[in-house]
Structures are given as structure tokens and as C-alpha cells.
Amino acid sequence: MEPHHPPPPWLEALGWTSLAVARASALAIVGNMTLRGYRQRMWIMHLVYPITALYWGPAALWFYQAGPPKAA
């Protein structure tokens, strides 16, 4: 069995930073829906947007704020 080697410090810091940014994005979406009252039309989207933000981070926040495409 090979010995375990920890990741480089910069990589670990990058991972923790990424997790913090993703969590902040999810909290921003939840806060927008609950505190500011921007409710979604479908109840499932109240779960989809924050969960998506946990792995997409700021990209999910950007898609959430952009809203649905405008009709021509």
C-alpha cells in the first residue's frame, strides 16, 4: 500500500475557497427568495436553484439573476 501524500497547500486553499464561494452563492439565492420575496412560479425551483449553486457557485447565481429568456 502506498503512503498517503497530502495535497499542496495552494490546492487545499483553492478547494476551501471554492466551497465557501459556492455556499455564499446558495445563501444569496435563498436570501433573495425568502427575505426579498422573489418567489418562483414553480415550488421545485426553490430547491433547484440553491442546490445548483452548491456545485456551480457564482455561475448559478448569474443564471438565477438573469431569469428566463425574454420572448421576441
N, C-alpha and C. Protein backbone atom coordinates (compact mmCIF):
# COMPACT_ATOMS: atom_id res chain seq x y z
N MET A 1 0.83 -1.17 0.00
CA MET A 1 0.00 0.00 0.00
C MET A 1 0.88 1.25 0.00
N GLU A 2 0.54 2.21 -0.85
CA GLU A 2 1.34 3.42 -0.97
C GLU A 2 1.01 4.39 0.15
N PRO A 3 2.01 5.13 0.61
CA PRO A 3 1.74 6.12 1.65
C PRO A 3 0.89 7.28 1.10
N HIS A 4 0.11 7.84 1.98
CA HIS A 4 -0.75 8.97 1.61
C HIS A 4 0.06 10.26 1.60
N HIS A 5 -0.10 11.04 0.53
CA HIS A 5 0.56 12.34 0.44
C HIS A 5 -0.51 13.42 0.42
N PRO A 6 -0.47 14.35 1.34
CA PRO A 6 -1.49 15.41 1.34
C PRO A 6 -1.33 16.32 0.12
N PRO A 7 -2.41 16.97 -0.29
CA PRO A 7 -2.31 17.87 -1.44
C PRO A 7 -1.47 19.09 -1.10
N PRO A 8 -0.98 19.79 -2.10
CA PRO A 8 -0.22 21.01 -1.83
C PRO A 8 -1.12 22.04 -1.13
N PRO A 9 -0.54 22.89 -0.31
CA PRO A 9 -1.35 23.87 0.42
C PRO A 9 -2.18 24.79 -0.48
N TRP A 10 -1.63 25.17 -1.63
CA TRP A 10 -2.39 26.06 -2.51
C TRP A 10 -3.63 25.38 -3.06
N LEU A 11 -3.55 24.07 -3.31
CA LEU A 11 -4.69 23.34 -3.84
C LEU A 11 -5.77 23.18 -2.77
N GLU A 12 -5.35 22.93 -1.54
CA GLU A 12 -6.32 22.82 -0.45
C GLU A 12 -7.01 24.16 -0.21
N ALA A 13 -6.24 25.25 -0.26
CA ALA A 13 -6.82 26.58 -0.09
C ALA A 13 -7.80 26.90 -1.22
N LEU A 14 -7.46 26.51 -2.43
CA LEU A 14 -8.35 26.72 -3.57
C LEU A 14 -9.66 25.95 -3.39
N GLY A 15 -9.57 24.73 -2.91
CA GLY A 15 -10.76 23.92 -2.67
C GLY A 15 -11.67 24.53 -1.62
N TRP A 16 -11.09 24.97 -0.50
CA TRP A 16 -11.90 25.58 0.55
C TRP A 16 -12.51 26.90 0.09
N THR A 17 -11.77 27.66 -0.69
CA THR A 17 -12.30 28.92 -1.22
C THR A 17 -13.46 28.65 -2.17
N SER A 18 -13.32 27.64 -3.00
CA SER A 18 -14.38 27.28 -3.93
C SER A 18 -15.65 26.86 -3.17
N LEU A 19 -15.48 26.08 -2.12
CA LEU A 19 -16.64 25.68 -1.32
C LEU A 19 -17.30 26.87 -0.63
N ALA A 20 -16.50 27.81 -0.16
CA ALA A 20 -17.05 28.99 0.51
C ALA A 20 -17.82 29.87 -0.48
N VAL A 21 -17.29 30.04 -1.67
CA VAL A 21 -17.97 30.85 -2.69
C VAL A 21 -19.27 30.18 -3.13
N ALA A 22 -19.25 28.87 -3.29
CA ALA A 22 -20.46 28.15 -3.68
C ALA A 22 -21.53 28.25 -2.59
N ARG A 23 -21.12 28.12 -1.34
CA ARG A 23 -22.09 28.24 -0.24
C ARG A 23 -22.65 29.66 -0.16
N ALA A 24 -21.81 30.66 -0.37
CA ALA A 24 -22.28 32.05 -0.35
C ALA A 24 -23.26 32.30 -1.49
N SER A 25 -23.02 31.70 -2.65
CA SER A 25 -23.94 31.84 -3.78
C SER A 25 -25.30 31.21 -3.45
N ALA A 26 -25.28 30.03 -2.86
CA ALA A 26 -26.53 29.38 -2.48
C ALA A 26 -27.28 30.19 -1.43
N LEU A 27 -26.57 30.74 -0.46
CA LEU A 27 -27.21 31.56 0.57
C LEU A 27 -27.77 32.85 -0.01
N ALA A 28 -27.10 33.41 -1.00
CA ALA A 28 -27.60 34.62 -1.66
C ALA A 28 -28.91 34.33 -2.38
N ILE A 29 -29.00 33.19 -3.03
CA ILE A 29 -30.24 32.82 -3.72
C ILE A 29 -31.36 32.58 -2.73
N VAL A 30 -31.08 31.84 -1.66
CA VAL A 30 -32.10 31.57 -0.65
C VAL A 30 -32.55 32.88 0.00
N GLY A 31 -31.61 33.76 0.30
CA GLY A 31 -31.96 35.04 0.89
C GLY A 31 -32.81 35.89 -0.03
N ASN A 32 -32.51 35.84 -1.32
CA ASN A 32 -33.29 36.60 -2.29
C ASN A 32 -34.73 36.08 -2.36
N MET A 33 -34.89 34.77 -2.28
CA MET A 33 -36.24 34.19 -2.37
C MET A 33 -37.02 34.39 -1.08
N THR A 34 -36.36 34.32 0.06
CA THR A 34 -37.10 34.40 1.33
C THR A 34 -37.19 35.81 1.88
N LEU A 35 -36.07 36.51 1.97
CA LEU A 35 -36.07 37.83 2.59
C LEU A 35 -36.61 38.92 1.67
N ARG A 36 -36.26 38.86 0.39
CA ARG A 36 -36.70 39.89 -0.54
C ARG A 36 -38.02 39.54 -1.22
N GLY A 37 -38.46 38.29 -1.08
CA GLY A 37 -39.77 37.89 -1.59
C GLY A 37 -39.83 37.59 -3.08
N TYR A 38 -38.68 37.34 -3.71
CA TYR A 38 -38.70 36.97 -5.11
C TYR A 38 -39.01 35.49 -5.24
N ARG A 39 -40.29 35.17 -5.22
CA ARG A 39 -40.74 33.78 -5.26
C ARG A 39 -40.73 33.26 -6.69
N GLN A 40 -40.50 31.98 -6.83
CA GLN A 40 -40.51 31.33 -8.14
C GLN A 40 -41.91 30.82 -8.44
N ARG A 41 -42.22 30.68 -9.71
CA ARG A 41 -43.56 30.20 -10.09
C ARG A 41 -43.76 28.73 -9.71
N MET A 42 -42.71 27.94 -9.86
CA MET A 42 -42.81 26.51 -9.54
C MET A 42 -42.08 26.25 -8.23
N TRP A 43 -42.72 25.52 -7.32
CA TRP A 43 -42.14 25.29 -5.99
C TRP A 43 -40.81 24.55 -6.06
N ILE A 44 -40.64 23.70 -7.05
CA ILE A 44 -39.42 22.90 -7.13
C ILE A 44 -38.19 23.77 -7.38
N MET A 45 -38.39 24.93 -8.01
CA MET A 45 -37.26 25.82 -8.29
C MET A 45 -36.70 26.43 -7.01
N HIS A 46 -37.47 26.41 -5.92
CA HIS A 46 -36.95 26.87 -4.63
C HIS A 46 -35.89 25.91 -4.10
N LEU A 47 -35.89 24.70 -4.59
CA LEU A 47 -34.86 23.73 -4.24
C LEU A 47 -33.77 23.67 -5.30
N VAL A 48 -34.16 23.75 -6.56
CA VAL A 48 -33.22 23.57 -7.67
C VAL A 48 -32.14 24.64 -7.68
N TYR A 49 -32.52 25.91 -7.57
CA TYR A 49 -31.53 26.99 -7.66
C TYR A 49 -30.47 26.91 -6.56
N PRO A 50 -30.85 26.78 -5.28
CA PRO A 50 -29.79 26.70 -4.25
C PRO A 50 -28.92 25.44 -4.37
N ILE A 51 -29.52 24.31 -4.71
CA ILE A 51 -28.73 23.09 -4.84
C ILE A 51 -27.76 23.22 -6.01
N THR A 52 -28.22 23.80 -7.11
CA THR A 52 -27.34 24.01 -8.26
C THR A 52 -26.19 24.94 -7.88
N ALA A 53 -26.46 25.95 -7.06
CA ALA A 53 -25.42 26.88 -6.65
C ALA A 53 -24.34 26.20 -5.81
N LEU A 54 -24.68 25.11 -5.16
CA LEU A 54 -23.68 24.41 -4.35
C LEU A 54 -22.58 23.77 -5.20
N TYR A 55 -22.87 23.45 -6.46
CA TYR A 55 -21.80 22.89 -7.29
C TYR A 55 -21.42 23.79 -8.46
N TRP A 56 -22.26 24.76 -8.82
CA TRP A 56 -21.90 25.70 -9.90
C TRP A 56 -21.39 27.02 -9.35
N GLY A 57 -21.70 27.32 -8.11
CA GLY A 57 -21.23 28.55 -7.49
C GLY A 57 -21.78 29.81 -8.14
N PRO A 58 -20.91 30.76 -8.43
CA PRO A 58 -21.37 32.04 -8.98
C PRO A 58 -22.07 31.93 -10.33
N ALA A 59 -21.79 30.90 -11.10
CA ALA A 59 -22.47 30.72 -12.38
C ALA A 59 -23.96 30.50 -12.16
N ALA A 60 -24.33 29.73 -11.15
CA ALA A 60 -25.74 29.51 -10.84
C ALA A 60 -26.39 30.80 -10.37
N LEU A 61 -25.67 31.59 -9.61
CA LEU A 61 -26.20 32.89 -9.16
C LEU A 61 -26.43 33.79 -10.36
N TRP A 62 -25.54 33.77 -11.32
CA TRP A 62 -25.71 34.58 -12.53
C TRP A 62 -26.93 34.12 -13.32
N PHE A 63 -27.11 32.81 -13.50
CA PHE A 63 -28.27 32.30 -14.21
C PHE A 63 -29.56 32.63 -13.46
N TYR A 64 -29.52 32.56 -12.15
CA TYR A 64 -30.70 32.88 -11.34
C TYR A 64 -31.09 34.35 -11.53
N GLN A 65 -30.11 35.24 -11.53
CA GLN A 65 -30.40 36.65 -11.66
C GLN A 65 -30.78 37.03 -13.09
N ALA A 66 -30.30 36.30 -14.07
CA ALA A 66 -30.64 36.59 -15.46
C ALA A 66 -32.10 36.30 -15.73
N GLY A 67 -32.65 35.30 -15.06
CA GLY A 67 -34.06 34.96 -15.25
C GLY A 67 -34.32 34.23 -16.56
N PRO A 68 -35.59 33.99 -16.86
CA PRO A 68 -35.91 33.27 -18.09
C PRO A 68 -35.64 34.15 -19.30
N PRO A 69 -35.42 33.53 -20.46
CA PRO A 69 -35.17 34.31 -21.67
C PRO A 69 -36.40 35.14 -22.04
N LYS A 70 -36.17 36.31 -22.59
CA LYS A 70 -37.26 37.22 -22.98
C LYS A 70 -37.82 36.78 -24.32
N ALA A 71 -39.15 36.85 -24.43
CA ALA A 71 -39.81 36.50 -25.70
C ALA A 71 -39.59 37.62 -26.70
N ALA A 72 -39.49 37.26 -27.96
CA ALA A 72 -39.24 38.26 -29.00
C ALA A 72 -40.48 39.04 -29.36
